[in-house]
Amino acid sequence: MSNNNSNFRSFQVAVLVFILFVMAGCSTYPSIEPHQPVAASSGIISNLMNHDSEQEPEQSGTPEDSQLEAEATPPADEELDDADQAHFADLDQIEPVEEVKEQEEHANEEEHAVTPSEGEQQVMNIAITFDDGPDLKYTPRILDILQEKDVKATFFVVGIQVNKYPDVLKRIEAEGHLIGNHSYNHPNLTKLSSDELTEEIQSTDDKIFAALGHVPTLVRPPYGSVNDEVRQQLQDMGKEVVLWNIDPRDWDGSTVDDMFENIMSNARDGGNILLHSFGGKHIENTVTLLPLIIDELRAQGYSFVTVDEL
């Protein structure tokens, strides 16, 4: 009887082991990696106990969502072939979107950078000069206009006028204008002897010095008459010859309209306009013209400078 009972218990144990073995073969365990050998039966039982005792978290979404997620996420230990490795290596070189955007914006800024020729007005300098003064009739009115318009000009003065009106010369300098030597009696310097030329320039310097305490370095030869000999002698005296490149012929009695058109059609960066504050036929026209050309040249982008700033 005891033998029968023993045999029966052995049979029960065998059946239980068989059932457990079958269940282990039909179940999938998350901890078992692909291609790994199955662990011993004791390990399987341990995994079964853990699996049964821990409730799996609830999955959100549909089964289709879970399938897509599983397909989109490759196993962590899956080896990539050479082509895939090269592809992901290229992806590693892709810059963040923010950096690319910043670089594109910077490139666009450089491509569309405004240069003076494209948009910004280029700085253009022009000088207004006055010969033959000073005097009491026209020079003070010209100075008033220049002061009102905030324009600095250059005055080439003759010694005989400086001797008569030193106070007007002082006003010219006090208001920030540049002064140059225009000889004493306004002769053609090319027709003078060396001594006569020296006397013309030196006498004017003396009158200017008496009024201002210094002498100018700039000389404008009367009529613009100069040759190599005159230029060299003036250079030896420490002088610099200054002529002009825009002449509206106010000394010849030109009308205001004609002078205006002349100046506007010849205006350019580095322009040097010849006018007179005394000595011409119709300096009244020059006084009328002055504010007109200042306003128009300024509207066209010109800045007014003295001749030493050109």
Protein backbone atom coordinates (compact mmCIF):
# COMPACT_ATOMS: atom_id res chain seq x y z
CA MET A 1 0.00 0.00 0.00
CA SER A 2 2.81 2.31 0.89
CA ASN A 3 4.51 1.46 -2.35
CA ASN A 4 1.39 2.43 -4.21
CA ASN A 5 1.20 5.75 -2.39
CA SER A 6 4.83 6.44 -3.13
CA ASN A 7 4.36 5.69 -6.78
CA PHE A 8 1.33 7.94 -6.92
CA ARG A 9 3.22 10.91 -5.40
CA SER A 10 6.05 10.37 -7.84
CA PHE A 11 3.56 10.45 -10.65
CA GLN A 12 2.05 13.70 -9.34
CA VAL A 13 5.46 15.34 -9.15
CA ALA A 14 6.29 14.22 -12.65
CA VAL A 15 3.01 15.60 -13.95
CA LEU A 16 3.60 18.90 -12.17
CA VAL A 17 7.10 19.20 -13.61
CA PHE A 18 5.77 18.38 -17.06
CA ILE A 19 3.05 21.04 -16.78
CA LEU A 20 5.57 23.62 -15.63
CA PHE A 21 7.90 22.71 -18.46
CA VAL A 22 5.11 23.07 -21.03
CA MET A 23 4.07 26.42 -19.58
CA ALA A 24 7.66 27.66 -19.72
CA GLY A 25 7.95 26.74 -23.37
CA CYS A 26 4.73 28.57 -24.30
CA SER A 27 5.48 31.84 -22.45
CA THR A 28 7.60 34.86 -23.53
CA TYR A 29 9.78 36.53 -20.92
CA PRO A 30 10.93 40.18 -21.36
CA SER A 31 14.20 39.45 -19.61
CA ILE A 32 15.23 36.80 -22.11
CA GLU A 33 17.28 38.29 -24.94
CA PRO A 34 17.05 36.85 -28.47
CA HIS A 35 19.44 34.05 -29.28
CA GLN A 36 20.26 33.48 -25.57
CA PRO A 37 20.07 29.93 -24.22
CA VAL A 38 17.15 29.13 -21.94
CA ALA A 39 18.08 29.19 -18.27
CA ALA A 40 17.69 26.31 -15.86
CA SER A 41 14.25 25.35 -14.60
CA SER A 42 14.83 27.04 -11.28
CA GLY A 43 15.46 30.32 -13.09
CA ILE A 44 12.32 29.90 -15.13
CA ILE A 45 10.23 29.38 -12.04
CA SER A 46 11.73 32.48 -10.49
CA ASN A 47 10.82 34.51 -13.56
CA LEU A 48 7.31 33.12 -13.50
CA MET A 49 6.90 34.20 -9.90
CA ASN A 50 8.06 37.72 -10.69
CA HIS A 51 5.83 37.89 -13.74
CA ASP A 52 2.80 36.79 -11.80
CA SER A 53 3.42 39.02 -8.81
CA GLU A 54 4.04 42.30 -10.70
CA GLN A 55 1.15 43.94 -12.54
CA GLU A 56 2.20 45.22 -15.98
CA PRO A 57 1.41 48.92 -16.50
CA GLU A 58 -1.60 49.79 -18.57
CA GLN A 59 -0.77 50.47 -22.20
CA SER A 60 -2.20 53.63 -23.74
CA GLY A 61 -3.24 53.89 -27.33
CA THR A 62 -4.45 51.29 -29.78
CA PRO A 63 -2.74 48.03 -30.68
CA GLU A 64 -1.88 49.59 -34.03
CA ASP A 65 -0.06 52.42 -32.21
CA SER A 66 1.93 49.92 -30.20
CA GLN A 67 2.90 48.05 -33.33
CA LEU A 68 4.06 51.23 -35.10
CA GLU A 69 6.08 52.25 -32.05
CA ALA A 70 7.71 48.86 -31.88
CA GLU A 71 8.59 48.96 -35.57
CA ALA A 72 10.00 52.47 -35.35
CA THR A 73 12.33 51.69 -32.43
CA PRO A 74 15.15 49.30 -33.36
CA PRO A 75 16.55 47.04 -30.64
CA ALA A 76 19.25 48.77 -28.61
CA ASP A 77 21.85 46.15 -29.33
CA GLU A 78 21.06 45.74 -33.01
CA GLU A 79 24.22 46.10 -35.05
CA LEU A 80 24.19 48.50 -38.02
CA ASP A 81 25.73 47.57 -41.31
CA ASP A 82 28.34 49.84 -42.94
CA ALA A 83 25.78 51.77 -44.99
CA ASP A 84 23.58 52.52 -41.98
CA GLN A 85 26.59 53.57 -39.91
CA ALA A 86 27.61 56.01 -42.63
CA HIS A 87 24.06 57.37 -42.78
CA PHE A 88 23.87 58.05 -39.05
CA ALA A 89 27.36 59.49 -39.09
CA ASP A 90 26.11 62.02 -41.64
CA LEU A 91 23.11 62.80 -39.44
CA ASP A 92 25.49 63.57 -36.59
CA GLN A 93 26.95 66.35 -38.72
CA ILE A 94 23.60 68.10 -39.18
CA GLU A 95 23.54 71.36 -37.25
CA PRO A 96 20.66 72.28 -34.97
CA VAL A 97 17.87 74.14 -36.71
CA GLU A 98 18.49 77.27 -34.62
CA GLU A 99 22.14 77.43 -35.70
CA VAL A 100 21.28 76.90 -39.36
CA LYS A 101 18.64 79.63 -39.17
CA GLU A 102 21.09 82.06 -37.58
CA GLN A 103 23.70 81.33 -40.24
CA GLU A 104 21.14 81.75 -43.02
CA GLU A 105 20.01 85.07 -41.58
CA HIS A 106 23.64 86.18 -41.27
CA ALA A 107 24.32 85.14 -44.86
CA ASN A 108 21.25 87.04 -46.03
CA GLU A 109 22.41 90.11 -44.14
CA GLU A 110 25.81 89.91 -45.83
CA GLU A 111 24.25 89.29 -49.24
CA HIS A 112 21.95 92.27 -48.89
CA ALA A 113 24.36 94.53 -47.02
CA VAL A 114 23.79 98.11 -48.14
CA THR A 115 26.79 99.75 -49.72
CA PRO A 116 27.05 103.40 -50.66
CA SER A 117 26.47 102.50 -54.31
CA GLU A 118 23.30 100.50 -53.52
CA GLY A 119 21.47 102.66 -51.04
CA GLU A 120 23.40 104.68 -48.55
CA GLN A 121 24.40 108.03 -49.90
CA GLN A 122 28.13 108.29 -50.31
CA VAL A 123 29.68 111.26 -48.51
CA MET A 124 30.43 113.95 -51.09
CA ASN A 125 32.47 117.01 -50.17
CA ILE A 126 32.39 120.31 -51.99
CA ALA A 127 34.01 123.68 -51.24
CA ILE A 128 32.69 127.18 -51.85
CA THR A 129 35.41 129.80 -52.23
CA PHE A 130 35.29 133.60 -52.47
CA ASP A 131 37.96 135.81 -54.06
CA ASP A 132 38.89 139.50 -53.96
CA GLY A 133 37.45 140.56 -50.58
CA PRO A 134 36.98 141.61 -47.97
CA ASP A 135 34.67 144.59 -48.34
CA LEU A 136 31.84 146.19 -46.42
CA LYS A 137 29.02 145.76 -48.96
CA TYR A 138 28.94 142.10 -49.96
CA THR A 139 31.28 140.14 -47.68
CA PRO A 140 29.25 140.73 -44.48
CA ARG A 141 26.04 139.61 -46.24
CA ILE A 142 27.77 136.51 -47.54
CA LEU A 143 29.01 135.76 -44.03
CA ASP A 144 25.47 136.13 -42.70
CA ILE A 145 24.18 133.54 -45.18
CA LEU A 146 26.99 131.12 -44.42
CA GLN A 147 26.34 131.44 -40.71
CA GLU A 148 22.61 130.91 -41.13
CA LYS A 149 23.17 127.83 -43.29
CA ASP A 150 25.97 126.49 -41.08
CA VAL A 151 28.45 126.34 -43.97
CA LYS A 152 32.20 126.87 -43.80
CA ALA A 153 33.88 128.44 -46.84
CA THR A 154 37.31 129.64 -47.98
CA PHE A 155 38.17 133.30 -48.64
CA PHE A 156 41.16 134.24 -50.80
CA VAL A 157 41.76 137.87 -49.86
CA VAL A 158 43.78 140.63 -51.52
CA GLY A 159 46.13 142.73 -49.44
CA ILE A 160 44.75 146.09 -50.45
CA GLN A 161 41.28 145.10 -49.19
CA VAL A 162 42.64 143.57 -45.99
CA ASN A 163 44.41 146.84 -45.32
CA LYS A 164 41.06 148.67 -45.62
CA TYR A 165 38.83 146.23 -43.78
CA PRO A 166 40.83 144.20 -41.23
CA ASP A 167 37.77 143.82 -38.99
CA VAL A 168 35.88 142.01 -41.73
CA LEU A 169 38.87 139.68 -42.11
CA LYS A 170 38.75 139.02 -38.37
CA ARG A 171 35.08 138.12 -38.64
CA ILE A 172 35.82 135.70 -41.48
CA GLU A 173 38.26 133.80 -39.29
CA ALA A 174 36.18 134.08 -36.11
CA GLU A 175 33.27 132.34 -37.83
CA GLY A 176 35.40 129.36 -38.80
CA HIS A 177 36.22 130.06 -42.43
CA LEU A 178 39.60 129.43 -44.04
CA ILE A 179 41.70 132.32 -45.35
CA GLY A 180 44.13 132.27 -48.26
CA ASN A 181 46.43 134.78 -50.00
CA HIS A 182 45.24 136.26 -53.32
CA SER A 183 48.11 138.75 -53.84
CA TYR A 184 48.13 142.43 -52.90
CA ASN A 185 47.01 144.24 -56.07
CA HIS A 186 45.55 141.35 -58.07
CA PRO A 187 48.15 141.21 -60.90
CA ASN A 188 48.87 138.36 -63.28
CA LEU A 189 51.72 136.65 -61.44
CA THR A 190 53.17 135.11 -64.59
CA LYS A 191 53.97 138.63 -65.86
CA LEU A 192 55.92 139.65 -62.76
CA SER A 193 59.59 139.38 -61.98
CA SER A 194 60.63 137.11 -59.15
CA ASP A 195 61.04 140.08 -56.81
CA GLU A 196 57.68 141.54 -57.77
CA LEU A 197 55.97 138.22 -57.17
CA THR A 198 57.59 137.96 -53.76
CA GLU A 199 56.45 141.48 -52.91
CA GLU A 200 52.84 140.73 -53.88
CA ILE A 201 52.65 137.66 -51.67
CA GLN A 202 54.72 138.96 -48.78
CA SER A 203 52.87 142.29 -48.52
CA THR A 204 49.55 140.49 -48.27
CA ASP A 205 50.94 138.13 -45.64
CA ASP A 206 52.04 141.15 -43.63
CA LYS A 207 48.54 142.66 -43.65
CA ILE A 208 46.95 139.35 -42.72
CA PHE A 209 49.45 138.86 -39.91
CA ALA A 210 48.71 142.34 -38.57
CA ALA A 211 45.02 141.47 -38.35
CA LEU A 212 45.15 137.83 -37.28
CA GLY A 213 48.61 137.11 -35.91
CA HIS A 214 49.42 134.41 -38.46
CA VAL A 215 49.82 134.00 -42.21
CA PRO A 216 48.14 131.54 -44.57
CA THR A 217 49.86 128.81 -46.55
CA LEU A 218 47.32 128.72 -49.39
CA VAL A 219 47.67 131.01 -52.41
CA ARG A 220 45.26 131.45 -55.31
CA PRO A 221 46.97 133.26 -58.21
CA PRO A 222 44.77 136.03 -59.67
CA TYR A 223 42.95 134.89 -62.83
CA GLY A 224 44.26 131.40 -62.13
CA SER A 225 47.40 132.37 -64.04
CA VAL A 226 50.29 130.16 -63.01
CA ASN A 227 53.22 128.46 -64.69
CA ASP A 228 56.02 126.20 -63.53
CA GLU A 229 58.23 129.12 -62.50
CA VAL A 230 55.51 130.79 -60.45
CA ARG A 231 54.48 127.50 -58.88
CA GLN A 232 58.06 126.70 -57.93
CA GLN A 233 58.69 130.14 -56.43
CA LEU A 234 55.52 129.93 -54.37
CA GLN A 235 56.52 126.48 -53.21
CA ASP A 236 59.92 127.83 -52.16
CA MET A 237 58.06 130.41 -50.08
CA GLY A 238 56.17 127.64 -48.30
CA LYS A 239 52.95 128.22 -50.21
CA GLU A 240 50.50 125.83 -51.81
CA VAL A 241 48.68 126.82 -55.02
CA VAL A 242 44.90 126.35 -55.03
CA LEU A 243 42.81 126.89 -58.17
CA TRP A 244 39.18 125.76 -58.82
CA ASN A 245 37.21 123.36 -60.99
CA ILE A 246 33.72 124.95 -61.07
CA ASP A 247 33.39 128.50 -62.41
CA PRO A 248 29.86 129.93 -62.77
CA ARG A 249 31.39 133.22 -64.01
CA ASP A 250 29.84 135.49 -61.40
CA TRP A 251 32.71 137.88 -62.13
CA ASP A 252 31.32 138.30 -65.65
CA GLY A 253 27.79 139.27 -64.66
CA SER A 254 26.09 135.90 -65.26
CA THR A 255 22.44 135.62 -64.23
CA VAL A 256 21.41 133.73 -61.12
CA ASP A 257 19.70 131.04 -63.21
CA ASP A 258 22.73 130.53 -65.43
CA MET A 259 25.09 130.32 -62.48
CA PHE A 260 22.80 127.89 -60.67
CA GLU A 261 22.64 125.61 -63.71
CA ASN A 262 26.40 125.82 -64.20
CA ILE A 263 27.13 124.77 -60.63
CA MET A 264 24.57 121.96 -60.50
CA SER A 265 25.69 120.46 -63.79
CA ASN A 266 29.34 120.47 -62.71
CA ALA A 267 28.97 119.59 -59.02
CA ARG A 268 30.93 116.53 -57.92
CA ASP A 269 32.78 115.15 -54.95
CA GLY A 270 35.88 117.30 -54.55
CA GLY A 271 34.26 120.23 -56.33
CA ASN A 272 35.83 123.65 -55.76
CA ILE A 273 33.43 126.47 -56.65
CA LEU A 274 34.82 129.89 -57.59
CA LEU A 275 32.74 132.88 -56.44
CA HIS A 276 33.60 136.46 -55.48
CA SER A 277 32.78 138.57 -52.44
CA PHE A 278 34.05 141.73 -54.14
CA GLY A 279 35.35 142.91 -57.49
CA GLY A 280 32.86 141.50 -59.97
CA LYS A 281 30.24 143.24 -62.10
CA HIS A 282 27.17 141.87 -60.35
CA ILE A 283 28.13 140.47 -56.94
CA GLU A 284 24.52 141.10 -55.95
CA ASN A 285 23.67 138.07 -58.06
CA THR A 286 26.25 136.07 -56.11
CA VAL A 287 24.56 136.99 -52.84
CA THR A 288 21.19 135.90 -54.27
CA LEU A 289 22.66 132.68 -55.65
CA LEU A 290 24.45 131.54 -52.50
CA PRO A 291 21.53 130.21 -50.39
CA LEU A 292 20.03 128.54 -53.46
CA ILE A 293 23.09 126.45 -54.24
CA ILE A 294 23.67 125.63 -50.58
CA ASP A 295 20.16 124.22 -50.20
CA GLU A 296 20.24 122.27 -53.46
CA LEU A 297 23.72 120.83 -53.00
CA ARG A 298 22.88 119.79 -49.45
CA ALA A 299 19.69 118.13 -50.68
CA GLN A 300 21.80 116.15 -53.13
CA GLY A 301 23.96 114.85 -50.29
CA TYR A 302 26.90 117.23 -50.38
CA SER A 303 28.81 118.34 -47.31
CA PHE A 304 30.47 121.74 -47.36
CA VAL A 305 34.14 121.88 -46.42
CA THR A 306 37.05 124.27 -46.69
CA VAL A 307 39.53 123.61 -49.50
CA ASP A 308 42.11 122.10 -47.17
CA GLU A 309 39.58 119.36 -46.36
CA LEU A 310 39.00 118.28 -49.95
